[in-house]
Amino acid sequence: MIAKREKAMADRGLRTPPSVTSKISPDPRNADAAMCLLGIAAPDKSREEHDPSAILLEPWAVQAALRRRRGSKALTMENVGEIKRCTRAPETLRWPRRTIS
């Protein structure tokens, strides 16, 4: 179908737009050791068997980030889920007023 379209466009004298290639890189792990050393994150013991390099953010660091969100859009359910999944003790977090939870 794409070849037919390109041939039809070439027959009419139209240029085809250049193709776009998207590259997705894996999650960089180069800051994990530094975050653990600084106490911002800690190894995730629950995932240790499947992924020994998995870490969780410490609640104080996540809380500091949440406090800095002044004037930002409200967090979505997806945002809240990601934050809870990546935080060591998410039940201790105090959520901003404009949060869907």
N, C-alpha and C. Protein backbone atom coordinates (compact mmCIF):
# COMPACT_ATOMS: atom_id res chain seq x y z
N MET A 1 0.82 -1.18 0.00
CA MET A 1 0.00 0.00 0.00
C MET A 1 0.88 1.26 0.00
N ILE A 2 1.94 1.23 0.77
CA ILE A 2 2.83 2.39 0.83
C ILE A 2 3.52 2.58 -0.52
N ALA A 3 3.97 1.48 -1.12
CA ALA A 3 4.63 1.57 -2.43
C ALA A 3 3.68 2.13 -3.47
N LYS A 4 2.41 1.68 -3.45
CA LYS A 4 1.42 2.19 -4.41
C LYS A 4 1.19 3.69 -4.21
N ARG A 5 1.12 4.10 -2.96
CA ARG A 5 0.92 5.52 -2.67
C ARG A 5 2.09 6.35 -3.17
N GLU A 6 3.32 5.88 -2.89
CA GLU A 6 4.49 6.62 -3.35
C GLU A 6 4.56 6.69 -4.87
N LYS A 7 4.19 5.60 -5.55
CA LYS A 7 4.18 5.60 -7.02
C LYS A 7 3.15 6.58 -7.55
N ALA A 8 1.96 6.59 -6.94
CA ALA A 8 0.90 7.51 -7.37
C ALA A 8 1.33 8.96 -7.14
N MET A 9 1.97 9.23 -6.02
CA MET A 9 2.43 10.59 -5.75
C MET A 9 3.53 10.99 -6.73
N ALA A 10 4.43 10.06 -7.05
CA ALA A 10 5.50 10.35 -8.01
C ALA A 10 4.92 10.60 -9.40
N ASP A 11 3.88 9.85 -9.78
CA ASP A 11 3.24 10.05 -11.09
C ASP A 11 2.60 11.43 -11.19
N ARG A 12 2.11 11.93 -10.08
CA ARG A 12 1.47 13.26 -10.06
C ARG A 12 2.48 14.38 -9.86
N GLY A 13 3.74 14.02 -9.63
CA GLY A 13 4.78 15.02 -9.42
C GLY A 13 4.83 15.55 -8.00
N LEU A 14 4.21 14.84 -7.09
CA LEU A 14 4.24 15.25 -5.68
C LEU A 14 5.40 14.59 -4.97
N ARG A 15 5.99 15.30 -4.04
CA ARG A 15 7.08 14.73 -3.25
C ARG A 15 6.51 13.99 -2.05
N THR A 16 7.14 12.89 -1.72
CA THR A 16 6.71 12.16 -0.53
C THR A 16 7.47 12.73 0.67
N PRO A 17 6.81 12.86 1.81
CA PRO A 17 7.51 13.37 2.98
C PRO A 17 8.55 12.36 3.45
N PRO A 18 9.64 12.85 4.02
CA PRO A 18 10.67 11.92 4.49
C PRO A 18 10.12 11.05 5.62
N SER A 19 10.60 9.83 5.67
CA SER A 19 10.15 8.93 6.74
C SER A 19 10.81 9.34 8.05
N VAL A 20 10.10 9.11 9.12
CA VAL A 20 10.58 9.47 10.45
C VAL A 20 10.91 8.19 11.21
N THR A 21 12.09 8.15 11.78
CA THR A 21 12.50 7.00 12.56
C THR A 21 12.54 7.39 14.03
N SER A 22 11.91 6.60 14.84
CA SER A 22 11.90 6.85 16.28
C SER A 22 12.77 5.82 16.98
N LYS A 23 13.66 6.30 17.83
CA LYS A 23 14.53 5.39 18.57
C LYS A 23 14.23 5.54 20.05
N ILE A 24 14.06 4.43 20.72
CA ILE A 24 13.79 4.43 22.15
C ILE A 24 14.99 3.79 22.84
N SER A 25 15.56 4.53 23.76
CA SER A 25 16.72 3.98 24.47
C SER A 25 16.26 3.37 25.79
N PRO A 26 16.99 2.40 26.27
CA PRO A 26 16.62 1.80 27.56
C PRO A 26 16.80 2.80 28.69
N ASP A 27 16.19 2.51 29.82
CA ASP A 27 16.29 3.37 30.99
C ASP A 27 17.75 3.45 31.44
N PRO A 28 18.34 4.65 31.48
CA PRO A 28 19.73 4.75 31.90
C PRO A 28 19.87 4.45 33.38
N ARG A 29 20.86 3.68 33.73
CA ARG A 29 21.07 3.28 35.12
C ARG A 29 22.32 3.95 35.71
N ASN A 30 22.90 4.92 35.00
CA ASN A 30 24.17 5.47 35.43
C ASN A 30 24.09 6.34 36.68
N ALA A 31 22.91 6.77 37.10
CA ALA A 31 22.79 7.60 38.31
C ALA A 31 22.35 6.80 39.53
N ASP A 32 22.01 5.54 39.35
CA ASP A 32 21.48 4.73 40.46
C ASP A 32 22.45 4.64 41.63
N ALA A 33 23.70 4.37 41.36
CA ALA A 33 24.68 4.23 42.44
C ALA A 33 24.83 5.55 43.20
N ALA A 34 24.86 6.66 42.49
CA ALA A 34 24.99 7.96 43.14
C ALA A 34 23.76 8.26 44.00
N MET A 35 22.57 7.95 43.49
CA MET A 35 21.35 8.20 44.28
C MET A 35 21.33 7.34 45.54
N CYS A 36 21.78 6.11 45.44
CA CYS A 36 21.85 5.24 46.63
C CYS A 36 22.87 5.77 47.62
N LEU A 37 24.02 6.22 47.13
CA LEU A 37 25.07 6.76 47.99
C LEU A 37 24.60 8.01 48.72
N LEU A 38 23.82 8.84 48.05
CA LEU A 38 23.32 10.08 48.65
C LEU A 38 22.07 9.87 49.50
N GLY A 39 21.53 8.66 49.49
CA GLY A 39 20.34 8.39 50.30
C GLY A 39 19.04 8.81 49.64
N ILE A 40 19.07 9.10 48.35
CA ILE A 40 17.87 9.48 47.61
C ILE A 40 17.08 8.25 47.22
N ALA A 41 17.75 7.14 47.05
CA ALA A 41 17.12 5.88 46.65
C ALA A 41 17.77 4.73 47.41
N ALA A 42 17.09 3.59 47.37
CA ALA A 42 17.60 2.39 48.03
C ALA A 42 17.24 1.17 47.18
N PRO A 43 18.02 0.10 47.27
CA PRO A 43 17.69 -1.11 46.50
C PRO A 43 16.30 -1.62 46.85
N ASP A 44 15.58 -2.12 45.84
CA ASP A 44 14.23 -2.66 46.04
C ASP A 44 14.34 -4.14 46.36
N LYS A 45 14.18 -4.47 47.62
CA LYS A 45 14.32 -5.86 48.07
C LYS A 45 13.23 -6.77 47.51
N SER A 46 12.05 -6.23 47.23
CA SER A 46 10.94 -7.06 46.73
C SER A 46 11.18 -7.52 45.29
N ARG A 47 11.96 -6.78 44.52
CA ARG A 47 12.24 -7.16 43.13
C ARG A 47 13.65 -7.71 42.95
N GLU A 48 14.35 -7.89 44.05
CA GLU A 48 15.76 -8.30 44.00
C GLU A 48 15.98 -9.59 43.20
N GLU A 49 15.06 -10.54 43.33
CA GLU A 49 15.21 -11.82 42.63
C GLU A 49 15.10 -11.66 41.11
N HIS A 50 14.20 -10.79 40.66
CA HIS A 50 13.98 -10.61 39.22
C HIS A 50 14.88 -9.54 38.60
N ASP A 51 15.13 -8.48 39.37
CA ASP A 51 15.95 -7.38 38.86
C ASP A 51 16.82 -6.85 40.00
N PRO A 52 18.03 -7.38 40.14
CA PRO A 52 18.89 -6.98 41.27
C PRO A 52 19.28 -5.50 41.24
N SER A 53 19.14 -4.83 40.11
CA SER A 53 19.52 -3.42 40.03
C SER A 53 18.35 -2.48 40.29
N ALA A 54 17.16 -3.00 40.60
CA ALA A 54 15.99 -2.16 40.83
C ALA A 54 16.15 -1.36 42.11
N ILE A 55 15.76 -0.08 42.04
CA ILE A 55 15.83 0.79 43.21
C ILE A 55 14.49 1.47 43.41
N LEU A 56 14.26 1.96 44.62
CA LEU A 56 13.07 2.74 44.94
C LEU A 56 13.51 4.07 45.52
N LEU A 57 12.77 5.13 45.18
CA LEU A 57 13.09 6.44 45.73
C LEU A 57 12.66 6.52 47.18
N GLU A 58 13.42 7.24 47.98
CA GLU A 58 13.10 7.44 49.38
C GLU A 58 11.94 8.45 49.48
N PRO A 59 11.04 8.24 50.43
CA PRO A 59 9.87 9.13 50.56
C PRO A 59 10.22 10.60 50.73
N TRP A 60 11.29 10.92 51.46
CA TRP A 60 11.63 12.33 51.66
C TRP A 60 11.97 13.02 50.34
N ALA A 61 12.63 12.30 49.43
CA ALA A 61 13.01 12.88 48.14
C ALA A 61 11.77 13.10 47.26
N VAL A 62 10.86 12.14 47.28
CA VAL A 62 9.62 12.27 46.50
C VAL A 62 8.79 13.40 47.08
N GLN A 63 8.71 13.50 48.41
CA GLN A 63 7.94 14.56 49.05
C GLN A 63 8.50 15.93 48.67
N ALA A 64 9.81 16.06 48.65
CA ALA A 64 10.44 17.32 48.24
C ALA A 64 10.07 17.68 46.81
N ALA A 65 10.04 16.69 45.94
CA ALA A 65 9.67 16.94 44.54
C ALA A 65 8.20 17.34 44.43
N LEU A 66 7.35 16.70 45.20
CA LEU A 66 5.92 17.05 45.18
C LEU A 66 5.70 18.47 45.68
N ARG A 67 6.45 18.89 46.69
CA ARG A 67 6.32 20.25 47.22
C ARG A 67 6.74 21.31 46.21
N ARG A 68 7.65 20.97 45.33
CA ARG A 68 8.16 21.94 44.35
C ARG A 68 7.24 22.12 43.15
N ARG A 69 6.10 21.46 43.12
CA ARG A 69 5.21 21.50 41.97
C ARG A 69 4.27 22.70 41.99
N ARG A 70 4.61 23.79 42.61
CA ARG A 70 3.73 24.96 42.73
C ARG A 70 3.22 25.41 41.36
N GLY A 71 1.90 25.56 41.27
CA GLY A 71 1.30 26.07 40.05
C GLY A 71 1.23 25.09 38.90
N SER A 72 1.67 23.87 39.10
CA SER A 72 1.64 22.88 38.03
C SER A 72 0.24 22.31 37.88
N LYS A 73 0.05 21.60 36.78
CA LYS A 73 -1.23 20.92 36.56
C LYS A 73 -1.42 19.84 37.61
N ALA A 74 -2.67 19.48 37.82
CA ALA A 74 -2.98 18.41 38.78
C ALA A 74 -2.38 17.10 38.31
N LEU A 75 -1.98 16.27 39.26
CA LEU A 75 -1.45 14.95 38.93
C LEU A 75 -2.59 14.06 38.43
N THR A 76 -2.32 13.28 37.41
CA THR A 76 -3.31 12.33 36.90
C THR A 76 -3.19 11.02 37.67
N MET A 77 -4.15 10.14 37.47
CA MET A 77 -4.10 8.82 38.11
C MET A 77 -2.84 8.08 37.67
N GLU A 78 -2.46 8.26 36.40
CA GLU A 78 -1.24 7.61 35.89
C GLU A 78 0.00 8.14 36.62
N ASN A 79 0.06 9.47 36.82
CA ASN A 79 1.17 10.07 37.56
C ASN A 79 1.26 9.52 38.98
N VAL A 80 0.12 9.48 39.65
CA VAL A 80 0.07 8.99 41.03
C VAL A 80 0.52 7.54 41.09
N GLY A 81 0.06 6.72 40.14
CA GLY A 81 0.45 5.31 40.10
C GLY A 81 1.95 5.13 39.91
N GLU A 82 2.54 5.92 39.03
CA GLU A 82 3.99 5.85 38.80
C GLU A 82 4.76 6.26 40.05
N ILE A 83 4.30 7.32 40.70
CA ILE A 83 4.97 7.79 41.91
C ILE A 83 4.90 6.72 42.99
N LYS A 84 3.73 6.13 43.18
CA LYS A 84 3.58 5.09 44.20
C LYS A 84 4.43 3.87 43.88
N ARG A 85 4.52 3.51 42.60
CA ARG A 85 5.28 2.33 42.19
C ARG A 85 6.78 2.52 42.42
N CYS A 86 7.25 3.76 42.32
CA CYS A 86 8.69 4.03 42.39
C CYS A 86 9.15 4.53 43.75
N THR A 87 8.25 4.60 44.73
CA THR A 87 8.59 5.11 46.05
C THR A 87 8.63 3.97 47.06
N ARG A 88 9.60 4.00 47.95
CA ARG A 88 9.78 2.93 48.94
C ARG A 88 8.58 2.80 49.87
N ALA A 89 8.05 3.88 50.41
CA ALA A 89 6.90 3.82 51.32
C ALA A 89 5.87 4.86 50.86
N PRO A 90 5.14 4.59 49.79
CA PRO A 90 4.24 5.60 49.22
C PRO A 90 3.10 6.00 50.15
N GLU A 91 2.75 5.14 51.11
CA GLU A 91 1.65 5.47 52.02
C GLU A 91 2.00 6.63 52.95
N THR A 92 3.28 6.98 53.07
CA THR A 92 3.70 8.07 53.94
C THR A 92 3.69 9.43 53.24
N LEU A 93 3.45 9.45 51.94
CA LEU A 93 3.49 10.71 51.19
C LEU A 93 2.26 11.57 51.49
N ARG A 94 2.47 12.89 51.54
CA ARG A 94 1.37 13.84 51.64
C ARG A 94 1.19 14.42 50.26
N TRP A 95 0.01 14.21 49.68
CA TRP A 95 -0.25 14.61 48.30
C TRP A 95 -0.71 16.05 48.22
N PRO A 96 -0.35 16.76 47.13
CA PRO A 96 -0.83 18.13 46.94
C PRO A 96 -2.35 18.16 46.85
N ARG A 97 -2.93 19.33 47.10
CA ARG A 97 -4.39 19.46 47.08
C ARG A 97 -5.00 19.02 45.75
N ARG A 98 -4.43 19.47 44.67
CA ARG A 98 -4.99 19.14 43.36
C ARG A 98 -4.46 17.81 42.85
N THR A 99 -4.75 16.76 43.54
CA THR A 99 -4.28 15.44 43.16
C THR A 99 -5.47 14.51 43.05
N ILE A 100 -5.50 13.76 41.96
CA ILE A 100 -6.51 12.73 41.80
C ILE A 100 -5.93 11.47 42.44
N SER A 101 -6.54 10.97 43.48
CA SER A 101 -6.00 9.74 44.09
C SER A 101 -7.10 8.84 44.56
